[in-house]
Amino acid sequence: MSAPVPVAHVSPVHYAGHTSEGRAIRVSLRAGKVVAIRTTVVRYPCDPFGDVGPIRISETGAARISRWTGRFTFAAGADVQRVTVRGVWRRRAVRIEGTLRVVGQIATGQRCASATLHFSARR
């Protein structure tokens, strides 16, 4: 009987840049998937209470990147604070561009939503 072959761990590749609010963003890729998003959203208004931001976003997942177009949609988080990132991985340019938005609610049940923010990140 042969011994099991160890599976090699593939480290993620990190892309760093800024959002349209001027905040740092980090997008991590591994094996053709977006596996983590880290950023801060400054404006996160909740009607009628006003702005409850800034909020820190640190989510993991596994959003497949299209082999043909480089497009992906990464959605993660609980219903009370869900982040959706849509983007394009430009392999040859070594960058990722896209948008992100956070939607949720506070303890009183009031709905909250950030603006749709644009971002660009490079390897």
PDB file of N, CA and C in Angstrom:
ATOM      1  N   MET A   1       0.841  -1.174   0.000  1.00  0.00           N
ATOM      2  CA  MET A   1       0.000   0.000   0.000  1.00  0.00           C
ATOM      3  C   MET A   1       0.888   1.240   0.000  1.00  0.00           C
ATOM      4  N   SER A   2       0.605   2.182  -0.868  1.00  0.00           N
ATOM      5  CA  SER A   2       1.430   3.384  -0.974  1.00  0.00           C
ATOM      6  C   SER A   2       0.934   4.462  -0.021  1.00  0.00           C
ATOM      7  N   ALA A   3       1.847   5.312   0.359  1.00  0.00           N
ATOM      8  CA  ALA A   3       1.514   6.420   1.263  1.00  0.00           C
ATOM      9  C   ALA A   3       0.750   7.486   0.488  1.00  0.00           C
ATOM     10  N   PRO A   4      -0.153   8.205   1.165  1.00  0.00           N
ATOM     11  CA  PRO A   4      -0.886   9.272   0.475  1.00  0.00           C
ATOM     12  C   PRO A   4       0.064  10.379   0.035  1.00  0.00           C
ATOM     13  N   VAL A   5      -0.253  10.947  -1.108  1.00  0.00           N
ATOM     14  CA  VAL A   5       0.548  12.036  -1.654  1.00  0.00           C
ATOM     15  C   VAL A   5       0.118  13.329  -0.969  1.00  0.00           C
ATOM     16  N   PRO A   6       1.065  14.083  -0.400  1.00  0.00           N
ATOM     17  CA  PRO A   6       0.679  15.338   0.255  1.00  0.00           C
ATOM     18  C   PRO A   6       0.189  16.359  -0.770  1.00  0.00           C
ATOM     19  N   VAL A   7      -0.819  17.117  -0.385  1.00  0.00           N
ATOM     20  CA  VAL A   7      -1.365  18.158  -1.249  1.00  0.00           C
ATOM     21  C   VAL A   7      -0.601  19.442  -0.964  1.00  0.00           C
ATOM     22  N   ALA A   8      -0.059  20.038  -2.007  1.00  0.00           N
ATOM     23  CA  ALA A   8       0.698  21.280  -1.856  1.00  0.00           C
ATOM     24  C   ALA A   8      -0.258  22.434  -1.573  1.00  0.00           C
ATOM     25  N   HIS A   9       0.104  23.242  -0.598  1.00  0.00           N
ATOM     26  CA  HIS A   9      -0.695  24.419  -0.269  1.00  0.00           C
ATOM     27  C   HIS A   9      -0.309  25.551  -1.216  1.00  0.00           C
ATOM     28  N   VAL A  10      -1.277  26.157  -1.830  1.00  0.00           N
ATOM     29  CA  VAL A  10      -1.038  27.277  -2.731  1.00  0.00           C
ATOM     30  C   VAL A  10      -1.353  28.558  -1.973  1.00  0.00           C
ATOM     31  N   SER A  11      -0.361  29.402  -1.807  1.00  0.00           N
ATOM     32  CA  SER A  11      -0.570  30.674  -1.110  1.00  0.00           C
ATOM     33  C   SER A  11      -1.357  31.633  -1.987  1.00  0.00           C
ATOM     34  N   PRO A  12      -2.192  32.468  -1.381  1.00  0.00           N
ATOM     35  CA  PRO A  12      -2.928  33.445  -2.176  1.00  0.00           C
ATOM     36  C   PRO A  12      -2.007  34.534  -2.730  1.00  0.00           C
ATOM     37  N   VAL A  13      -2.437  35.125  -3.818  1.00  0.00           N
ATOM     38  CA  VAL A  13      -1.756  36.274  -4.421  1.00  0.00           C
ATOM     39  C   VAL A  13      -2.568  37.498  -4.037  1.00  0.00           C
ATOM     40  N   HIS A  14      -1.903  38.522  -3.521  1.00  0.00           N
ATOM     41  CA  HIS A  14      -2.597  39.702  -3.011  1.00  0.00           C
ATOM     42  C   HIS A  14      -2.456  40.884  -3.965  1.00  0.00           C
ATOM     43  N   TYR A  15      -3.569  41.582  -4.144  1.00  0.00           N
ATOM     44  CA  TYR A  15      -3.619  42.804  -4.934  1.00  0.00           C
ATOM     45  C   TYR A  15      -4.009  43.932  -3.978  1.00  0.00           C
ATOM     46  N   ALA A  16      -3.277  45.035  -4.023  1.00  0.00           N
ATOM     47  CA  ALA A  16      -3.539  46.152  -3.119  1.00  0.00           C
ATOM     48  C   ALA A  16      -3.798  47.415  -3.929  1.00  0.00           C
ATOM     49  N   GLY A  17      -4.731  48.223  -3.440  1.00  0.00           N
ATOM     50  CA  GLY A  17      -5.052  49.472  -4.120  1.00  0.00           C
ATOM     51  C   GLY A  17      -5.916  50.344  -3.242  1.00  0.00           C
ATOM     52  N   HIS A  18      -6.769  51.150  -3.894  1.00  0.00           N
ATOM     53  CA  HIS A  18      -7.622  52.095  -3.167  1.00  0.00           C
ATOM     54  C   HIS A  18      -9.026  52.130  -3.750  1.00  0.00           C
ATOM     55  N   THR A  19      -9.979  52.460  -2.885  1.00  0.00           N
ATOM     56  CA  THR A  19     -11.363  52.638  -3.311  1.00  0.00           C
ATOM     57  C   THR A  19     -11.582  54.096  -3.696  1.00  0.00           C
ATOM     58  N   SER A  20     -12.748  54.398  -4.239  1.00  0.00           N
ATOM     59  CA  SER A  20     -13.071  55.777  -4.603  1.00  0.00           C
ATOM     60  C   SER A  20     -13.235  56.666  -3.377  1.00  0.00           C
ATOM     61  N   GLU A  21     -13.287  56.088  -2.173  1.00  0.00           N
ATOM     62  CA  GLU A  21     -13.291  56.872  -0.934  1.00  0.00           C
ATOM     63  C   GLU A  21     -11.862  57.099  -0.427  1.00  0.00           C
ATOM     64  N   GLY A  22     -10.866  56.603  -1.168  1.00  0.00           N
ATOM     65  CA  GLY A  22      -9.485  56.793  -0.772  1.00  0.00           C
ATOM     66  C   GLY A  22      -8.998  55.808   0.281  1.00  0.00           C
ATOM     67  N   ARG A  23      -9.747  54.748   0.518  1.00  0.00           N
ATOM     68  CA  ARG A  23      -9.374  53.740   1.512  1.00  0.00           C
ATOM     69  C   ARG A  23      -8.632  52.586   0.855  1.00  0.00           C
ATOM     70  N   ALA A  24      -7.724  51.989   1.601  1.00  0.00           N
ATOM     71  CA  ALA A  24      -6.969  50.840   1.098  1.00  0.00           C
ATOM     72  C   ALA A  24      -7.905  49.647   0.892  1.00  0.00           C
ATOM     73  N   ILE A  25      -7.640  48.880  -0.150  1.00  0.00           N
ATOM     74  CA  ILE A  25      -8.368  47.637  -0.397  1.00  0.00           C
ATOM     75  C   ILE A  25      -7.345  46.559  -0.721  1.00  0.00           C
ATOM     76  N   ARG A  26      -7.638  45.361  -0.258  1.00  0.00           N
ATOM     77  CA  ARG A  26      -6.781  44.203  -0.552  1.00  0.00           C
ATOM     78  C   ARG A  26      -7.686  43.085  -1.048  1.00  0.00           C
ATOM     79  N   VAL A  27      -7.364  42.568  -2.227  1.00  0.00           N
ATOM     80  CA  VAL A  27      -8.111  41.477  -2.841  1.00  0.00           C
ATOM     81  C   VAL A  27      -7.143  40.311  -2.972  1.00  0.00           C
ATOM     82  N   SER A  28      -7.542  39.144  -2.461  1.00  0.00           N
ATOM     83  CA  SER A  28      -6.671  37.963  -2.490  1.00  0.00           C
ATOM     84  C   SER A  28      -7.230  36.918  -3.431  1.00  0.00           C
ATOM     85  N   LEU A  29      -6.368  36.369  -4.299  1.00  0.00           N
ATOM     86  CA  LEU A  29      -6.742  35.346  -5.272  1.00  0.00           C
ATOM     87  C   LEU A  29      -5.962  34.068  -4.989  1.00  0.00           C
ATOM     88  N   ARG A  30      -6.621  32.931  -5.231  1.00  0.00           N
ATOM     89  CA  ARG A  30      -5.951  31.637  -5.140  1.00  0.00           C
ATOM     90  C   ARG A  30      -6.663  30.669  -6.073  1.00  0.00           C
ATOM     91  N   ALA A  31      -5.887  30.016  -6.916  1.00  0.00           N
ATOM     92  CA  ALA A  31      -6.387  28.960  -7.798  1.00  0.00           C
ATOM     93  C   ALA A  31      -7.600  29.394  -8.615  1.00  0.00           C
ATOM     94  N   GLY A  32      -7.530  30.578  -9.227  1.00  0.00           N
ATOM     95  CA  GLY A  32      -8.602  31.051 -10.102  1.00  0.00           C
ATOM     96  C   GLY A  32      -9.843  31.535  -9.391  1.00  0.00           C
ATOM     97  N   LYS A  33      -9.713  31.873  -8.089  1.00  0.00           N
ATOM     98  CA  LYS A  33     -10.859  32.362  -7.314  1.00  0.00           C
ATOM     99  C   LYS A  33     -10.453  33.562  -6.468  1.00  0.00           C
ATOM    100  N   VAL A  34     -11.416  34.450  -6.232  1.00  0.00           N
ATOM    101  CA  VAL A  34     -11.225  35.523  -5.266  1.00  0.00           C
ATOM    102  C   VAL A  34     -11.572  34.909  -3.916  1.00  0.00           C
ATOM    103  N   VAL A  35     -10.610  34.934  -2.984  1.00  0.00           N
ATOM    104  CA  VAL A  35     -10.813  34.244  -1.710  1.00  0.00           C
ATOM    105  C   VAL A  35     -10.928  35.182  -0.511  1.00  0.00           C
ATOM    106  N   ALA A  36     -10.591  36.474  -0.678  1.00  0.00           N
ATOM    107  CA  ALA A  36     -10.723  37.405   0.449  1.00  0.00           C
ATOM    108  C   ALA A  36     -10.765  38.839  -0.041  1.00  0.00           C
ATOM    109  N   ILE A  37     -11.510  39.663   0.701  1.00  0.00           N
ATOM    110  CA  ILE A  37     -11.604  41.099   0.459  1.00  0.00           C
ATOM    111  C   ILE A  37     -11.409  41.789   1.810  1.00  0.00           C
ATOM    112  N   ARG A  38     -10.570  42.818   1.823  1.00  0.00           N
ATOM    113  CA  ARG A  38     -10.362  43.592   3.043  1.00  0.00           C
ATOM    114  C   ARG A  38     -10.329  45.073   2.682  1.00  0.00           C
ATOM    115  N   THR A  39     -11.181  45.857   3.330  1.00  0.00           N
ATOM    116  CA  THR A  39     -11.211  47.302   3.103  1.00  0.00           C
ATOM    117  C   THR A  39     -12.022  47.965   4.203  1.00  0.00           C
ATOM    118  N   THR A  40     -12.168  49.273   4.103  1.00  0.00           N
ATOM    119  CA  THR A  40     -13.026  50.047   4.993  1.00  0.00           C
ATOM    120  C   THR A  40     -13.951  50.881   4.130  1.00  0.00           C
ATOM    121  N   VAL A  41     -15.223  50.942   4.509  1.00  0.00           N
ATOM    122  CA  VAL A  41     -16.206  51.781   3.825  1.00  0.00           C
ATOM    123  C   VAL A  41     -16.499  52.954   4.757  1.00  0.00           C
ATOM    124  N   VAL A  42     -16.241  54.166   4.284  1.00  0.00           N
ATOM    125  CA  VAL A  42     -16.393  55.355   5.129  1.00  0.00           C
ATOM    126  C   VAL A  42     -17.859  55.716   5.313  1.00  0.00           C
ATOM    127  N   ARG A  43     -18.583  55.876   4.224  1.00  0.00           N
ATOM    128  CA  ARG A  43     -19.994  56.295   4.297  1.00  0.00           C
ATOM    129  C   ARG A  43     -20.907  55.085   4.220  1.00  0.00           C
ATOM    130  N   TYR A  44     -21.641  54.859   5.298  1.00  0.00           N
ATOM    131  CA  TYR A  44     -22.588  53.736   5.383  1.00  0.00           C
ATOM    132  C   TYR A  44     -23.851  54.247   6.070  1.00  0.00           C
ATOM    133  N   PRO A  45     -24.688  54.977   5.317  1.00  0.00           N
ATOM    134  CA  PRO A  45     -25.871  55.593   5.918  1.00  0.00           C
ATOM    135  C   PRO A  45     -26.998  54.596   6.193  1.00  0.00           C
ATOM    136  N   CYS A  46     -27.680  54.824   7.319  1.00  0.00           N
ATOM    137  CA  CYS A  46     -28.844  54.028   7.714  1.00  0.00           C
ATOM    138  C   CYS A  46     -29.985  54.994   8.005  1.00  0.00           C
ATOM    139  N   ASP A  47     -30.994  55.038   7.146  1.00  0.00           N
ATOM    140  CA  ASP A  47     -32.125  55.943   7.347  1.00  0.00           C
ATOM    141  C   ASP A  47     -32.992  55.436   8.483  1.00  0.00           C
ATOM    142  N   PRO A  48     -33.530  56.252   9.307  1.00  0.00           N
ATOM    143  CA  PRO A  48     -33.384  57.710   9.398  1.00  0.00           C
ATOM    144  C   PRO A  48     -32.272  58.144  10.345  1.00  0.00           C
ATOM    145  N   PHE A  49     -31.405  57.233  10.761  1.00  0.00           N
ATOM    146  CA  PHE A  49     -30.402  57.527  11.787  1.00  0.00           C
ATOM    147  C   PHE A  49     -29.154  58.213  11.264  1.00  0.00           C
ATOM    148  N   GLY A  50     -28.944  58.211   9.981  1.00  0.00           N
ATOM    149  CA  GLY A  50     -27.759  58.848   9.423  1.00  0.00           C
ATOM    150  C   GLY A  50     -26.627  57.858   9.215  1.00  0.00           C
ATOM    151  N   ASP A  51     -25.440  58.405   9.116  1.00  0.00           N
ATOM    152  CA  ASP A  51     -24.260  57.611   8.772  1.00  0.00           C
ATOM    153  C   ASP A  51     -23.745  56.856   9.996  1.00  0.00           C
ATOM    154  N   VAL A  52     -23.584  55.533   9.873  1.00  0.00           N
ATOM    155  CA  VAL A  52     -23.028  54.723  10.958  1.00  0.00           C
ATOM    156  C   VAL A  52     -21.624  54.242  10.614  1.00  0.00           C
ATOM    157  N   GLY A  53     -21.084  54.739   9.499  1.00  0.00           N
ATOM    158  CA  GLY A  53     -19.731  54.353   9.088  1.00  0.00           C
ATOM    159  C   GLY A  53     -18.691  55.116   9.865  1.00  0.00           C
ATOM    160  N   PRO A  54     -17.435  54.818   9.700  1.00  0.00           N
ATOM    161  CA  PRO A  54     -16.900  53.808   8.795  1.00  0.00           C
ATOM    162  C   PRO A  54     -17.058  52.385   9.346  1.00  0.00           C
ATOM    163  N   ILE A  55     -17.110  51.433   8.406  1.00  0.00           N
ATOM    164  CA  ILE A  55     -17.193  50.020   8.778  1.00  0.00           C
ATOM    165  C   ILE A  55     -16.041  49.270   8.115  1.00  0.00           C
ATOM    166  N   ARG A  56     -15.521  48.318   8.842  1.00  0.00           N
ATOM    167  CA  ARG A  56     -14.407  47.511   8.336  1.00  0.00           C
ATOM    168  C   ARG A  56     -14.969  46.258   7.680  1.00  0.00           C
ATOM    169  N   ILE A  57     -14.487  45.972   6.488  1.00  0.00           N
ATOM    170  CA  ILE A  57     -14.898  44.791   5.730  1.00  0.00           C
ATOM    171  C   ILE A  57     -13.724  43.823   5.690  1.00  0.00           C
ATOM    172  N   SER A  58     -13.942  42.603   6.148  1.00  0.00           N
ATOM    173  CA  SER A  58     -12.923  41.559   6.108  1.00  0.00           C
ATOM    174  C   SER A  58     -13.666  40.239   5.897  1.00  0.00           C
ATOM    175  N   GLU A  59     -13.799  39.846   4.648  1.00  0.00           N
ATOM    176  CA  GLU A  59     -14.597  38.668   4.306  1.00  0.00           C
ATOM    177  C   GLU A  59     -13.786  37.673   3.490  1.00  0.00           C
ATOM    178  N   THR A  60     -14.111  36.405   3.662  1.00  0.00           N
ATOM    179  CA  THR A  60     -13.497  35.344   2.871  1.00  0.00           C
ATOM    180  C   THR A  60     -14.577  34.603   2.103  1.00  0.00           C
ATOM    181  N   GLY A  61     -14.177  33.912   1.063  1.00  0.00           N
ATOM    182  CA  GLY A  61     -15.113  33.158   0.232  1.00  0.00           C
ATOM    183  C   GLY A  61     -14.353  32.444  -0.863  1.00  0.00           C
ATOM    184  N   ALA A  62     -15.048  32.168  -1.944  1.00  0.00           N
ATOM    185  CA  ALA A  62     -14.430  31.492  -3.091  1.00  0.00           C
ATOM    186  C   ALA A  62     -15.227  31.818  -4.344  1.00  0.00           C
ATOM    187  N   ALA A  63     -15.010  33.029  -4.880  1.00  0.00           N
ATOM    188  CA  ALA A  63     -15.723  33.467  -6.083  1.00  0.00           C
ATOM    189  C   ALA A  63     -14.891  33.129  -7.312  1.00  0.00           C
ATOM    190  N   ARG A  64     -15.446  32.309  -8.176  1.00  0.00           N
ATOM    191  CA  ARG A  64     -14.740  31.871  -9.375  1.00  0.00           C
ATOM    192  C   ARG A  64     -14.522  33.035 -10.336  1.00  0.00           C
ATOM    193  N   ILE A  65     -13.319  33.093 -10.905  1.00  0.00           N
ATOM    194  CA  ILE A  65     -12.981  34.093 -11.916  1.00  0.00           C
ATOM    195  C   ILE A  65     -13.125  33.423 -13.282  1.00  0.00           C
ATOM    196  N   SER A  66     -13.893  34.049 -14.179  1.00  0.00           N
ATOM    197  CA  SER A  66     -14.082  33.505 -15.525  1.00  0.00           C
ATOM    198  C   SER A  66     -12.749  33.401 -16.256  1.00  0.00           C
ATOM    199  N   ARG A  67     -12.464  32.242 -16.795  1.00  0.00           N
ATOM    200  CA  ARG A  67     -11.229  32.049 -17.580  1.00  0.00           C
ATOM    201  C   ARG A  67     -11.197  32.930 -18.813  1.00  0.00           C
ATOM    202  N   TRP A  68     -12.348  33.205 -19.376  1.00  0.00           N
ATOM    203  CA  TRP A  68     -12.412  33.915 -20.652  1.00  0.00           C
ATOM    204  C   TRP A  68     -12.470  35.422 -20.490  1.00  0.00           C
ATOM    205  N   THR A  69     -13.231  35.905 -19.519  1.00  0.00           N
ATOM    206  CA  THR A  69     -13.415  37.355 -19.387  1.00  0.00           C
ATOM    207  C   THR A  69     -12.682  37.954 -18.192  1.00  0.00           C
ATOM    208  N   GLY A  70     -12.311  37.129 -17.227  1.00  0.00           N
ATOM    209  CA  GLY A  70     -11.676  37.621 -16.016  1.00  0.00           C
ATOM    210  C   GLY A  70     -12.654  38.210 -15.013  1.00  0.00           C
ATOM    211  N   ARG A  71     -13.940  38.125 -15.318  1.00  0.00           N
ATOM    212  CA  ARG A  71     -14.963  38.711 -14.437  1.00  0.00           C
ATOM    213  C   ARG A  71     -15.278  37.791 -13.255  1.00  0.00           C
ATOM    214  N   PHE A  72     -15.671  38.433 -12.148  1.00  0.00           N
ATOM    215  CA  PHE A  72     -16.079  37.682 -10.958  1.00  0.00           C
ATOM    216  C   PHE A  72     -17.084  38.501 -10.163  1.00  0.00           C
ATOM    217  N   THR A  73     -17.868  37.804  -9.338  1.00  0.00           N
ATOM    218  CA  THR A  73     -18.747  38.430  -8.356  1.00  0.00           C
ATOM    219  C   THR A  73     -18.499  37.731  -7.028  1.00  0.00           C
ATOM    220  N   PHE A  74     -18.069  38.494  -6.055  1.00  0.00           N
ATOM    221  CA  PHE A  74     -17.763  37.995  -4.718  1.00  0.00           C
ATOM    222  C   PHE A  74     -18.814  38.566  -3.773  1.00  0.00           C
ATOM    223  N   ALA A  75     -19.588  37.714  -3.139  1.00  0.00           N
ATOM    224  CA  ALA A  75     -20.586  38.160  -2.171  1.00  0.00           C
ATOM    225  C   ALA A  75     -20.379  37.374  -0.890  1.00  0.00           C
ATOM    226  N   ALA A  76     -20.297  38.097   0.242  1.00  0.00           N
ATOM    227  CA  ALA A  76     -20.034  37.431   1.510  1.00  0.00           C
ATOM    228  C   ALA A  76     -20.586  38.264   2.660  1.00  0.00           C
ATOM    229  N   GLY A  77     -20.732  37.612   3.799  1.00  0.00           N
ATOM    230  CA  GLY A  77     -21.201  38.288   5.002  1.00  0.00           C
ATOM    231  C   GLY A  77     -22.624  37.915   5.336  1.00  0.00           C
ATOM    232  N   ALA A  78     -22.991  38.198   6.549  1.00  0.00           N
ATOM    233  CA  ALA A  78     -24.357  37.933   7.021  1.00  0.00           C
ATOM    234  C   ALA A  78     -25.309  38.963   6.429  1.00  0.00           C
ATOM    235  N   ASP A  79     -26.610  38.680   6.484  1.00  0.00           N
ATOM    236  CA  ASP A  79     -27.600  39.610   5.942  1.00  0.00           C
ATOM    237  C   ASP A  79     -27.522  40.993   6.576  1.00  0.00           C
ATOM    238  N   VAL A  80     -27.056  41.087   7.816  1.00  0.00           N
ATOM    239  CA  VAL A  80     -26.986  42.386   8.479  1.00  0.00           C
ATOM    240  C   VAL A  80     -25.851  43.257   7.939  1.00  0.00           C
ATOM    241  N   GLN A  81     -24.895  42.631   7.252  1.00  0.00           N
ATOM    242  CA  GLN A  81     -23.814  43.395   6.615  1.00  0.00           C
ATOM    243  C   GLN A  81     -23.208  42.543   5.506  1.00  0.00           C
ATOM    244  N   ARG A  82     -23.771  42.651   4.313  1.00  0.00           N
ATOM    245  CA  ARG A  82     -23.345  41.837   3.182  1.00  0.00           C
ATOM    246  C   ARG A  82     -22.602  42.697   2.171  1.00  0.00           C
ATOM    247  N   VAL A  83     -21.413  42.257   1.782  1.00  0.00           N
ATOM    248  CA  VAL A  83     -20.618  42.981   0.801  1.00  0.00           C
ATOM    249  C   VAL A  83     -20.676  42.238  -0.535  1.00  0.00           C
ATOM    250  N   THR A  84     -20.847  42.992  -1.603  1.00  0.00           N
ATOM    251  CA  THR A  84     -20.814  42.431  -2.952  1.00  0.00           C
ATOM    252  C   THR A  84     -19.748  43.175  -3.743  1.00  0.00           C
ATOM    253  N   VAL A  85     -18.813  42.411  -4.286  1.00  0.00           N
ATOM    254  CA  VAL A  85     -17.733  42.964  -5.089  1.00  0.00           C
ATOM    255  C   VAL A  85     -17.849  42.381  -6.485  1.00  0.00           C
ATOM    256  N   ARG A  86     -17.926  43.241  -7.477  1.00  0.00           N
ATOM    257  CA  ARG A  86     -17.924  42.821  -8.874  1.00  0.00           C
ATOM    258  C   ARG A  86     -16.678  43.392  -9.511  1.00  0.00           C
ATOM    259  N   GLY A  87     -15.963  42.554 -10.238  1.00  0.00           N
ATOM    260  CA  GLY A  87     -14.725  43.067 -10.793  1.00  0.00           C
ATOM    261  C   GLY A  87     -14.225  42.301 -11.989  1.00  0.00           C
ATOM    262  N   VAL A  88     -13.102  42.776 -12.503  1.00  0.00           N
ATOM    263  CA  VAL A  88     -12.423  42.156 -13.633  1.00  0.00           C
ATOM    264  C   VAL A  88     -10.956  42.022 -13.263  1.00  0.00           C
ATOM    265  N   TRP A  89     -10.458  40.807 -13.385  1.00  0.00           N
ATOM    266  CA  TRP A  89      -9.036  40.543 -13.177  1.00  0.00           C
ATOM    267  C   TRP A  89      -8.359  40.665 -14.522  1.00  0.00           C
ATOM    268  N   ARG A  90      -7.472  41.630 -14.647  1.00  0.00           N
ATOM    269  CA  ARG A  90      -6.729  41.853 -15.890  1.00  0.00           C
ATOM    270  C   ARG A  90      -5.342  41.245 -15.702  1.00  0.00           C
ATOM    271  N   ARG A  91      -5.259  39.977 -16.063  1.00  0.00           N
ATOM    272  CA  ARG A  91      -4.060  39.179 -15.822  1.00  0.00           C
ATOM    273  C   ARG A  91      -2.807  39.823 -16.411  1.00  0.00           C
ATOM    274  N   ARG A  92      -2.875  40.228 -17.665  1.00  0.00           N
ATOM    275  CA  ARG A  92      -1.686  40.802 -18.318  1.00  0.00           C
ATOM    276  C   ARG A  92      -1.283  42.143 -17.729  1.00  0.00           C
ATOM    277  N   ALA A  93      -2.246  42.915 -17.288  1.00  0.00           N
ATOM    278  CA  ALA A  93      -1.957  44.217 -16.690  1.00  0.00           C
ATOM    279  C   ALA A  93      -1.642  44.086 -15.196  1.00  0.00           C
ATOM    280  N   VAL A  94      -1.796  42.892 -14.660  1.00  0.00           N
ATOM    281  CA  VAL A  94      -1.539  42.589 -13.255  1.00  0.00           C
ATOM    282  C   VAL A  94      -2.345  43.514 -12.343  1.00  0.00           C
ATOM    283  N   ARG A  95      -3.649  43.636 -12.619  1.00  0.00           N
ATOM    284  CA  ARG A  95      -4.502  44.473 -11.782  1.00  0.00           C
ATOM    285  C   ARG A  95      -5.936  43.942 -11.751  1.00  0.00           C
ATOM    286  N   ILE A  96      -6.664  44.416 -10.764  1.00  0.00           N
ATOM    287  CA  ILE A  96      -8.082  44.119 -10.610  1.00  0.00           C
ATOM    288  C   ILE A  96      -8.799  45.449 -10.494  1.00  0.00           C
ATOM    289  N   GLU A  97      -9.906  45.581 -11.217  1.00  0.00           N
ATOM    290  CA  GLU A  97     -10.733  46.783 -11.144  1.00  0.00           C
ATOM    291  C   GLU A  97     -12.164  46.345 -10.900  1.00  0.00           C
ATOM    292  N   GLY A  98     -12.933  47.198 -10.234  1.00  0.00           N
ATOM    293  CA  GLY A  98     -14.324  46.830 -10.030  1.00  0.00           C
ATOM    294  C   GLY A  98     -15.051  47.772  -9.104  1.00  0.00           C
ATOM    295  N   THR A  99     -16.154  47.253  -8.571  1.00  0.00           N
ATOM    296  CA  THR A  99     -16.997  48.009  -7.655  1.00  0.00           C
ATOM    297  C   THR A  99     -17.297  47.164  -6.424  1.00  0.00           C
ATOM    298  N   LEU A 100     -17.639  47.851  -5.342  1.00  0.00           N
ATOM    299  CA  LEU A 100     -18.101  47.149  -4.145  1.00  0.00           C
ATOM    300  C   LEU A 100     -19.215  47.948  -3.506  1.00  0.00           C
ATOM    301  N   ARG A 101     -20.093  47.222  -2.834  1.00  0.00           N
ATOM    302  CA  ARG A 101     -21.225  47.841  -2.150  1.00  0.00           C
ATOM    303  C   ARG A 101     -21.553  47.007  -0.932  1.00  0.00           C
ATOM    304  N   VAL A 102     -21.910  47.670   0.160  1.00  0.00           N
ATOM    305  CA  VAL A 102     -22.315  46.990   1.384  1.00  0.00           C
ATOM    306  C   VAL A 102     -23.778  47.319   1.649  1.00  0.00           C
ATOM    307  N   VAL A 103     -24.568  46.291   1.943  1.00  0.00           N
ATOM    308  CA  VAL A 103     -25.984  46.449   2.242  1.00  0.00           C
ATOM    309  C   VAL A 103     -26.280  45.658   3.511  1.00  0.00           C
ATOM    310  N   GLY A 104     -27.090  46.212   4.390  1.00  0.00           N
ATOM    311  CA  GLY A 104     -27.434  45.496   5.617  1.00  0.00           C
ATOM    312  C   GLY A 104     -28.491  46.214   6.412  1.00  0.00           C
ATOM    313  N   GLN A 105     -28.437  46.036   7.722  1.00  0.00           N
ATOM    314  CA  GLN A 105     -29.379  46.703   8.614  1.00  0.00           C
ATOM    315  C   GLN A 105     -28.786  46.791  10.008  1.00  0.00           C
ATOM    316  N   ILE A 106     -29.267  47.771  10.776  1.00  0.00           N
ATOM    317  CA  ILE A 106     -28.822  47.896  12.158  1.00  0.00           C
ATOM    318  C   ILE A 106     -29.824  47.184  13.061  1.00  0.00           C
ATOM    319  N   ALA A 107     -29.548  47.163  14.355  1.00  0.00           N
ATOM    320  CA  ALA A 107     -30.349  46.384  15.309  1.00  0.00           C
ATOM    321  C   ALA A 107     -31.832  46.753  15.317  1.00  0.00           C
ATOM    322  N   THR A 108     -32.181  47.986  14.961  1.00  0.00           N
ATOM    323  CA  THR A 108     -33.576  48.408  14.940  1.00  0.00           C
ATOM    324  C   THR A 108     -34.322  47.914  13.703  1.00  0.00           C
ATOM    325  N   GLY A 109     -33.582  47.307  12.773  1.00  0.00           N
ATOM    326  CA  GLY A 109     -34.195  46.828  11.542  1.00  0.00           C
ATOM    327  C   GLY A 109     -34.115  47.809  10.391  1.00  0.00           C
ATOM    328  N   GLN A 110     -33.548  48.998  10.633  1.00  0.00           N
ATOM    329  CA  GLN A 110     -33.417  49.988   9.567  1.00  0.00           C
ATOM    330  C   GLN A 110     -32.403  49.511   8.546  1.00  0.00           C
ATOM    331  N   ARG A 111     -32.734  49.667   7.263  1.00  0.00           N
ATOM    332  CA  ARG A 111     -31.844  49.256   6.169  1.00  0.00           C
ATOM    333  C   ARG A 111     -30.702  50.246   6.007  1.00  0.00           C
ATOM    334  N   CYS A 112     -29.553  49.720   5.653  1.00  0.00           N
ATOM    335  CA  CYS A 112     -28.351  50.520   5.437  1.00  0.00           C
ATOM    336  C   CYS A 112     -27.757  50.116   4.088  1.00  0.00           C
ATOM    337  N   ALA A 113     -27.102  51.058   3.433  1.00  0.00           N
ATOM    338  CA  ALA A 113     -26.431  50.737   2.167  1.00  0.00           C
ATOM    339  C   ALA A 113     -25.377  51.788   1.873  1.00  0.00           C
ATOM    340  N   SER A 114     -24.214  51.310   1.477  1.00  0.00           N
ATOM    341  CA  SER A 114     -23.172  52.233   1.040  1.00  0.00           C
ATOM    342  C   SER A 114     -23.448  52.609  -0.408  1.00  0.00           C
ATOM    343  N   ALA A 115     -22.756  53.617  -0.869  1.00  0.00           N
ATOM    344  CA  ALA A 115     -22.774  53.920  -2.305  1.00  0.00           C
ATOM    345  C   ALA A 115     -22.012  52.801  -3.013  1.00  0.00           C
ATOM    346  N   THR A 116     -22.151  52.721  -4.309  1.00  0.00           N
ATOM    347  CA  THR A 116     -21.332  51.781  -5.073  1.00  0.00           C
ATOM    348  C   THR A 116     -19.971  52.434  -5.259  1.00  0.00           C
ATOM    349  N   LEU A 117     -18.946  51.809  -4.665  1.00  0.00           N
ATOM    350  CA  LEU A 117     -17.598  52.365  -4.697  1.00  0.00           C
ATOM    351  C   LEU A 117     -16.777  51.681  -5.786  1.00  0.00           C
ATOM    352  N   HIS A 118     -15.944  52.427  -6.452  1.00  0.00           N
ATOM    353  CA  HIS A 118     -15.041  51.873  -7.447  1.00  0.00           C
ATOM    354  C   HIS A 118     -13.690  51.625  -6.800  1.00  0.00           C
ATOM    355  N   PHE A 119     -12.958  50.648  -7.320  1.00  0.00           N
ATOM    356  CA  PHE A 119     -11.617  50.387  -6.810  1.00  0.00           C
ATOM    357  C   PHE A 119     -10.717  49.890  -7.920  1.00  0.00           C
ATOM    358  N   SER A 120      -9.426  50.010  -7.678  1.00  0.00           N
ATOM    359  CA  SER A 120      -8.406  49.483  -8.556  1.00  0.00           C
ATOM    360  C   SER A 120      -7.288  48.986  -7.667  1.00  0.00           C
ATOM    361  N   ALA A 121      -6.761  47.785  -7.960  1.00  0.00           N
ATOM    362  CA  ALA A 121      -5.704  47.205  -7.148  1.00  0.00           C
ATOM    363  C   ALA A 121      -4.685  46.524  -8.057  1.00  0.00           C
ATOM    364  N   ARG A 122      -3.426  46.604  -7.657  1.00  0.00           N
ATOM    365  CA  ARG A 122      -2.333  46.009  -8.432  1.00  0.00           C
ATOM    366  C   ARG A 122      -1.608  44.988  -7.588  1.00  0.00           C
ATOM    367  N   ARG A 123      -0.978  44.069  -8.277  1.00  0.00           N
ATOM    368  CA  ARG A 123      -0.200  43.024  -7.603  1.00  0.00           C
ATOM    369  C   ARG A 123       1.100  43.564  -7.093  1.00  0.00           C
TER     370      ARG A 123
END
